[in-house]
Amino acid sequence: MEKSKTVKKIDVHAHVTAFPEYAPPNSYTHYRMISPEELLGFYDKLDIEKGVLLPIVAPEAQFTPLTSCECKYVADKYPDRFIWFCNVDPRNDRNAPDADLSKLLMHYKSLGAKGFGELTTNIPADDPLMDNLFRYCAECDLPVTIHVAPMDKYGFYGIKDDLGLPRIEKMLKKYPKLKIFGHSQTFWSEISGDVDEQTRREWPTSKIKGEGRLTKLLREYPNLYCDLSADSGRNAFMRDPEHAARFIEEFSDRIMYGCDICATYNTHPFVFNEWLNKFREDGYISEENYYKFVRGNAIRILKLKEKE
């Protein structure tokens, strides 16, 4: 592959509202969720061919739900630019740990859903409800994009875990056929060996120190993958390019490019894109691994068809 050749990216972490005219603004940012057409404007500037639409159904993470049906609707409207995941809250169907969620999951899979997520429900990762959901995602062969949060009672969204991610590790071990795509600052903070209860809530700019828990989990569990979206993923690489180069070399088959653009004011994908281009030009990443990262892994893991 020639170094100058443009590789069209696949964004594994996208959100849109199908009906922006009805979407309420966020009370903190005063912006509403981005529309498909607005997101495609970003994609054209970032050389992104298509995105993976992720519904959000948990109230902790979203003013109004972004439903599986909306994502299916948008993907059908722009079939060359979007694919979609489905989402079911683990409390669905009686808030019971023995609920058979397979009927819902297989319904969405039959309609074309390629995976599950973004999972943002704010309960512990190994709670019986979450365990039940992971079990059915594994049985239905639906990879799961997770947003990880600390164990605080209030103030966060995402599945809860302790420092070192022991609860997620329990699920990785229990369901070896389940593919988990890790995401969020709490997840990516584990890339450094000096993370603590405070820094797992932050975006540190210091160099990576020692070997992080994330590296150890990736080595032990081949069903763990990395979603490098948002400021959390961007920061994990940009804070230490030399470490990023080693990380990519070792885990080249399990990292995926993502944006997590939620509103028109988001600029982090452009910052990361500029950095990534220089990272590539300076030889930190091989052309083979660059292709895997921005496109190839998504095609392989999600069983997509490559364009001729």
Protein backbone atom coordinates (compact mmCIF):
# COMPACT_ATOMS: atom_id res chain seq x y z
CA MET A 1 0.00 0.00 0.00
CA GLU A 2 1.45 3.36 -0.99
CA LYS A 3 1.87 5.77 1.90
CA SER A 4 0.18 8.59 0.00
CA LYS A 5 -2.92 6.53 -0.75
CA THR A 6 -6.06 7.70 1.02
CA VAL A 7 -7.81 4.95 2.97
CA LYS A 8 -11.51 5.60 3.48
CA LYS A 9 -12.21 5.17 7.18
CA ILE A 10 -15.05 3.42 8.97
CA ASP A 11 -16.31 5.15 12.12
CA VAL A 12 -17.36 2.44 14.58
CA HIS A 13 -18.96 4.92 16.99
CA ALA A 14 -21.66 7.19 15.57
CA HIS A 15 -24.86 8.73 16.94
CA VAL A 16 -27.58 10.69 15.15
CA THR A 17 -31.16 11.72 15.65
CA ALA A 18 -33.37 10.72 12.75
CA PHE A 19 -35.74 13.60 13.46
CA PRO A 20 -33.71 16.71 14.41
CA GLU A 21 -36.76 18.95 14.18
CA TYR A 22 -38.16 17.22 17.27
CA ALA A 23 -34.92 16.74 19.22
CA PRO A 24 -34.55 18.76 22.46
CA PRO A 25 -31.30 20.63 23.13
CA ASN A 26 -28.96 19.39 25.82
CA SER A 27 -29.42 21.54 28.93
CA TYR A 28 -25.64 21.83 29.44
CA THR A 29 -24.36 22.47 25.90
CA HIS A 30 -27.62 23.82 24.43
CA TYR A 31 -26.96 21.74 21.31
CA ARG A 32 -29.19 18.95 20.07
CA MET A 33 -27.99 15.57 18.81
CA ILE A 34 -26.53 15.78 15.33
CA SER A 35 -28.59 14.84 12.26
CA PRO A 36 -27.50 12.27 9.64
CA GLU A 37 -26.91 14.99 7.08
CA GLU A 38 -24.79 17.04 9.48
CA LEU A 39 -22.73 13.97 10.39
CA LEU A 40 -22.16 13.16 6.72
CA GLY A 41 -20.72 16.67 6.36
CA PHE A 42 -18.10 15.72 8.96
CA TYR A 43 -17.47 12.40 7.21
CA ASP A 44 -16.76 14.04 3.86
CA LYS A 45 -14.11 16.24 5.47
CA LEU A 46 -12.56 13.36 7.44
CA ASP A 47 -12.41 10.83 4.58
CA ILE A 48 -14.89 8.54 6.33
CA GLU A 49 -16.83 6.22 4.06
CA LYS A 50 -19.41 5.06 6.57
CA GLY A 51 -20.34 4.98 10.23
CA VAL A 52 -21.80 2.49 12.67
CA LEU A 53 -24.93 4.01 14.21
CA LEU A 54 -25.25 3.25 17.91
CA PRO A 55 -28.64 3.67 19.64
CA ILE A 56 -28.71 4.88 23.25
CA VAL A 57 -31.70 3.72 25.28
CA ALA A 58 -30.58 4.28 28.89
CA PRO A 59 -31.84 7.59 30.37
CA GLU A 60 -28.56 8.24 32.18
CA ALA A 61 -26.81 9.00 28.90
CA GLN A 62 -29.37 10.73 26.73
CA PHE A 63 -32.14 13.33 27.07
CA THR A 64 -34.34 11.34 24.73
CA PRO A 65 -33.65 7.80 23.57
CA LEU A 66 -31.91 7.12 20.27
CA THR A 67 -33.75 3.96 19.32
CA SER A 68 -32.78 0.92 17.30
CA CYS A 69 -35.65 1.75 14.96
CA GLU A 70 -34.26 5.25 14.32
CA CYS A 71 -30.85 3.82 13.49
CA LYS A 72 -32.39 1.27 11.13
CA TYR A 73 -34.40 4.07 9.50
CA VAL A 74 -31.31 6.22 8.90
CA ALA A 75 -29.20 3.30 7.66
CA ASP A 76 -31.93 2.42 5.14
CA LYS A 77 -32.04 6.05 4.01
CA TYR A 78 -28.26 6.17 3.48
CA PRO A 79 -27.26 2.52 2.87
CA ASP A 80 -23.83 3.42 1.46
CA ARG A 81 -22.93 5.59 4.47
CA PHE A 82 -24.30 3.86 7.55
CA ILE A 83 -24.73 0.47 9.18
CA TRP A 84 -26.35 0.06 12.57
CA PHE A 85 -26.31 -1.67 15.94
CA CYS A 86 -29.35 -2.43 18.09
CA ASN A 87 -29.81 -1.67 21.78
CA VAL A 88 -31.92 -3.16 24.57
CA ASP A 89 -31.75 -1.98 28.16
CA PRO A 90 -30.81 -4.91 30.46
CA ARG A 91 -33.83 -3.98 32.62
CA ASN A 92 -36.13 -4.68 29.68
CA ASP A 93 -38.90 -7.25 30.18
CA ARG A 94 -39.78 -7.13 33.89
CA ASN A 95 -36.40 -5.87 35.15
CA ALA A 96 -35.55 -9.52 35.72
CA PRO A 97 -32.22 -11.38 35.43
CA ASP A 98 -33.94 -14.34 33.79
CA ALA A 99 -35.65 -12.34 31.02
CA ASP A 100 -35.24 -13.96 27.61
CA LEU A 101 -33.77 -11.05 25.65
CA SER A 102 -32.95 -13.24 22.66
CA LYS A 103 -36.30 -12.55 21.00
CA LEU A 104 -35.63 -8.81 20.86
CA LEU A 105 -31.99 -9.23 19.86
CA MET A 106 -32.74 -11.70 17.10
CA HIS A 107 -35.57 -9.49 15.85
CA TYR A 108 -33.12 -6.62 15.33
CA LYS A 109 -30.44 -8.91 13.96
CA SER A 110 -32.91 -10.24 11.38
CA LEU A 111 -33.42 -6.62 10.27
CA GLY A 112 -29.69 -6.14 9.74
CA ALA A 113 -28.19 -5.06 13.08
CA LYS A 114 -24.45 -5.83 13.11
CA GLY A 115 -23.94 -5.52 16.84
CA PHE A 116 -25.22 -4.15 20.15
CA GLY A 117 -24.64 -0.84 21.86
CA GLU A 118 -23.76 1.69 22.98
CA LEU A 119 -24.38 0.05 26.37
CA THR A 120 -24.62 2.93 28.87
CA THR A 121 -26.95 1.64 31.62
CA ASN A 122 -25.48 2.74 34.95
CA ILE A 123 -25.36 -0.56 36.81
CA PRO A 124 -22.35 -2.76 37.67
CA ALA A 125 -20.85 -4.71 34.78
CA ASP A 126 -21.39 -8.03 36.54
CA ASP A 127 -24.87 -7.30 37.92
CA PRO A 128 -27.25 -10.24 37.23
CA LEU A 129 -29.18 -8.05 34.76
CA MET A 130 -26.00 -7.18 32.88
CA ASP A 131 -24.80 -10.78 33.04
CA ASN A 132 -28.09 -11.86 31.45
CA LEU A 133 -27.70 -9.32 28.65
CA PHE A 134 -24.11 -10.33 27.92
CA ARG A 135 -25.17 -13.98 27.83
CA TYR A 136 -27.75 -13.33 25.12
CA CYS A 137 -25.47 -11.06 23.11
CA ALA A 138 -22.93 -13.87 23.09
CA GLU A 139 -25.55 -16.43 22.06
CA CYS A 140 -26.87 -14.15 19.30
CA ASP A 141 -23.33 -13.35 18.08
CA LEU A 142 -23.70 -9.60 18.56
CA PRO A 143 -20.53 -7.69 19.54
CA VAL A 144 -21.17 -5.12 22.27
CA THR A 145 -19.89 -1.54 22.48
CA ILE A 146 -19.65 -0.58 26.15
CA HIS A 147 -19.19 2.77 27.88
CA VAL A 148 -17.43 2.19 31.20
CA ALA A 149 -18.00 4.32 34.32
CA PRO A 150 -16.60 4.34 37.87
CA MET A 151 -18.61 2.88 40.72
CA ASP A 152 -20.04 6.23 41.93
CA LYS A 153 -23.71 6.19 42.81
CA TYR A 154 -24.49 9.43 40.96
CA GLY A 155 -23.07 11.64 38.24
CA PHE A 156 -22.03 9.17 35.53
CA TYR A 157 -23.47 7.04 32.76
CA GLY A 158 -22.13 3.72 31.55
CA ILE A 159 -21.66 0.29 33.04
CA LYS A 160 -19.92 0.47 36.41
CA ASP A 161 -16.61 -1.13 37.25
CA ASP A 162 -13.85 -0.84 39.83
CA LEU A 163 -10.27 0.21 39.24
CA GLY A 164 -8.62 -2.47 37.14
CA LEU A 165 -11.91 -3.49 35.46
CA PRO A 166 -12.41 -6.75 37.41
CA ARG A 167 -16.15 -6.93 36.70
CA ILE A 168 -15.69 -6.63 32.96
CA GLU A 169 -12.94 -9.22 33.18
CA LYS A 170 -15.43 -11.56 34.83
CA MET A 171 -17.78 -11.20 31.86
CA LEU A 172 -14.93 -11.65 29.33
CA LYS A 173 -13.95 -14.87 31.05
CA LYS A 174 -17.51 -16.16 31.48
CA TYR A 175 -18.51 -15.51 27.85
CA PRO A 176 -15.46 -16.15 25.64
CA LYS A 177 -17.57 -15.90 22.46
CA LEU A 178 -18.74 -12.41 23.42
CA LYS A 179 -16.86 -9.61 21.64
CA ILE A 180 -16.66 -6.48 23.80
CA PHE A 181 -15.65 -3.11 22.31
CA GLY A 182 -14.30 -1.02 25.19
CA HIS A 183 -14.84 2.77 25.24
CA SER A 184 -14.84 5.81 27.59
CA GLN A 185 -12.25 7.62 29.68
CA THR A 186 -12.67 5.15 32.54
CA PHE A 187 -11.85 2.33 30.11
CA TRP A 188 -8.93 4.07 28.38
CA SER A 189 -7.42 5.32 31.64
CA GLU A 190 -6.40 1.70 32.25
CA ILE A 191 -3.81 2.01 29.45
CA SER A 192 -1.39 3.46 32.04
CA GLY A 193 -0.02 1.63 35.06
CA ASP A 194 -0.32 4.65 37.35
CA VAL A 195 -4.08 5.17 37.03
CA ASP A 196 -5.94 5.75 40.29
CA GLU A 197 -9.46 6.61 41.41
CA GLN A 198 -8.99 10.26 40.47
CA THR A 199 -7.20 9.93 37.13
CA ARG A 200 -9.66 7.34 35.85
CA ARG A 201 -12.14 10.23 35.74
CA GLU A 202 -9.77 12.57 33.86
CA TRP A 203 -7.89 13.02 30.55
CA PRO A 204 -4.23 13.07 31.69
CA THR A 205 -1.61 14.49 29.33
CA SER A 206 1.36 12.79 30.95
CA LYS A 207 3.33 9.94 29.38
CA ILE A 208 2.10 6.37 29.94
CA LYS A 209 3.79 4.86 32.99
CA GLY A 210 4.38 1.16 33.36
CA GLU A 211 2.08 -1.49 31.96
CA GLY A 212 -1.61 -0.74 32.30
CA ARG A 213 -4.34 -3.19 33.19
CA LEU A 214 -5.83 -2.78 29.70
CA THR A 215 -2.72 -4.28 28.11
CA LYS A 216 -2.90 -7.30 30.41
CA LEU A 217 -6.60 -7.84 29.69
CA LEU A 218 -6.03 -7.65 25.93
CA ARG A 219 -3.29 -10.26 26.18
CA GLU A 220 -5.42 -12.62 28.25
CA TYR A 221 -8.81 -12.19 26.58
CA PRO A 222 -8.93 -12.31 22.76
CA ASN A 223 -12.62 -11.27 22.88
CA LEU A 224 -11.74 -7.75 24.13
CA TYR A 225 -11.44 -5.00 21.50
CA CYS A 226 -10.77 -1.25 21.65
CA ASP A 227 -13.03 1.52 20.32
CA LEU A 228 -10.72 4.50 19.87
CA SER A 229 -13.39 7.21 19.72
CA ALA A 230 -14.10 10.48 21.53
CA ASP A 231 -11.59 12.49 23.54
CA SER A 232 -10.91 9.41 25.67
CA GLY A 233 -9.55 7.29 22.81
CA ARG A 234 -7.82 10.24 21.16
CA ASN A 235 -6.08 11.18 24.40
CA ALA A 236 -4.96 7.60 25.09
CA PHE A 237 -2.84 7.68 21.92
CA MET A 238 -1.90 11.35 21.63
CA ARG A 239 -0.53 11.62 25.17
CA ASP A 240 2.33 9.25 24.29
CA PRO A 241 3.01 8.51 20.59
CA GLU A 242 5.84 6.07 21.33
CA HIS A 243 3.56 4.01 23.57
CA ALA A 244 0.76 4.25 21.01
CA ALA A 245 3.09 2.82 18.37
CA ARG A 246 3.95 -0.18 20.57
CA PHE A 247 0.30 -0.67 21.54
CA ILE A 248 -0.82 -0.68 17.91
CA GLU A 249 1.94 -3.09 16.92
CA GLU A 250 0.92 -5.60 19.59
CA PHE A 251 -2.86 -5.24 19.26
CA SER A 252 -3.20 -4.29 15.58
CA ASP A 253 -6.09 -6.73 15.08
CA ARG A 254 -8.18 -5.37 17.94
CA ILE A 255 -8.26 -1.58 17.69
CA MET A 256 -10.85 0.34 15.69
CA TYR A 257 -11.17 3.95 14.61
CA GLY A 258 -14.18 5.93 15.87
CA CYS A 259 -15.38 9.51 16.25
CA ASP A 260 -18.31 9.74 18.68
CA ILE A 261 -19.54 13.01 17.15
CA CYS A 262 -22.70 14.07 18.99
CA ALA A 263 -23.18 17.72 18.03
CA THR A 264 -22.09 20.20 15.40
CA TYR A 265 -19.60 21.87 17.76
CA ASN A 266 -17.49 18.72 18.17
CA THR A 267 -13.94 19.24 16.87
CA HIS A 268 -12.03 16.34 18.45
CA PRO A 269 -12.15 14.16 15.29
CA PHE A 270 -10.27 16.86 13.33
CA VAL A 271 -7.62 17.17 16.05
CA PHE A 272 -7.10 13.41 16.07
CA ASN A 273 -7.18 13.19 12.28
CA GLU A 274 -4.37 15.73 11.97
CA TRP A 275 -2.34 13.89 14.60
CA LEU A 276 -3.02 10.50 13.00
CA ASN A 277 -1.90 11.72 9.58
CA LYS A 278 1.41 12.90 11.02
CA PHE A 279 1.72 9.71 13.08
CA ARG A 280 1.41 7.77 9.82
CA GLU A 281 3.75 10.03 7.83
CA ASP A 282 6.42 9.82 10.55
CA GLY A 283 6.38 6.03 10.37
CA TYR A 284 4.99 5.29 13.82
CA ILE A 285 2.42 2.97 12.26
CA SER A 286 2.90 0.61 9.32
CA GLU A 287 0.64 0.94 6.29
CA GLU A 288 -0.78 -2.51 7.03
CA ASN A 289 -1.67 -1.61 10.60
CA TYR A 290 -3.01 1.79 9.60
CA TYR A 291 -5.43 0.08 7.22
CA LYS A 292 -6.49 -2.39 9.94
CA PHE A 293 -7.05 0.42 12.42
CA VAL A 294 -9.12 2.80 10.31
CA ARG A 295 -10.98 0.24 8.17
CA GLY A 296 -9.91 -3.38 7.97
CA ASN A 297 -10.70 -4.50 11.51
CA ALA A 298 -14.23 -3.09 11.35
CA ILE A 299 -14.85 -4.94 8.10
CA ARG A 300 -13.52 -8.21 9.49
CA ILE A 301 -15.06 -8.09 12.96
CA LEU A 302 -18.48 -6.81 11.84
CA LYS A 303 -18.49 -9.07 8.75
CA LEU A 304 -18.92 -6.24 6.28
CA LYS A 305 -18.34 -6.41 2.56
CA GLU A 306 -15.28 -4.63 1.26
CA LYS A 307 -15.81 -2.40 -1.75
CA GLU A 308 -14.09 -3.57 -4.91
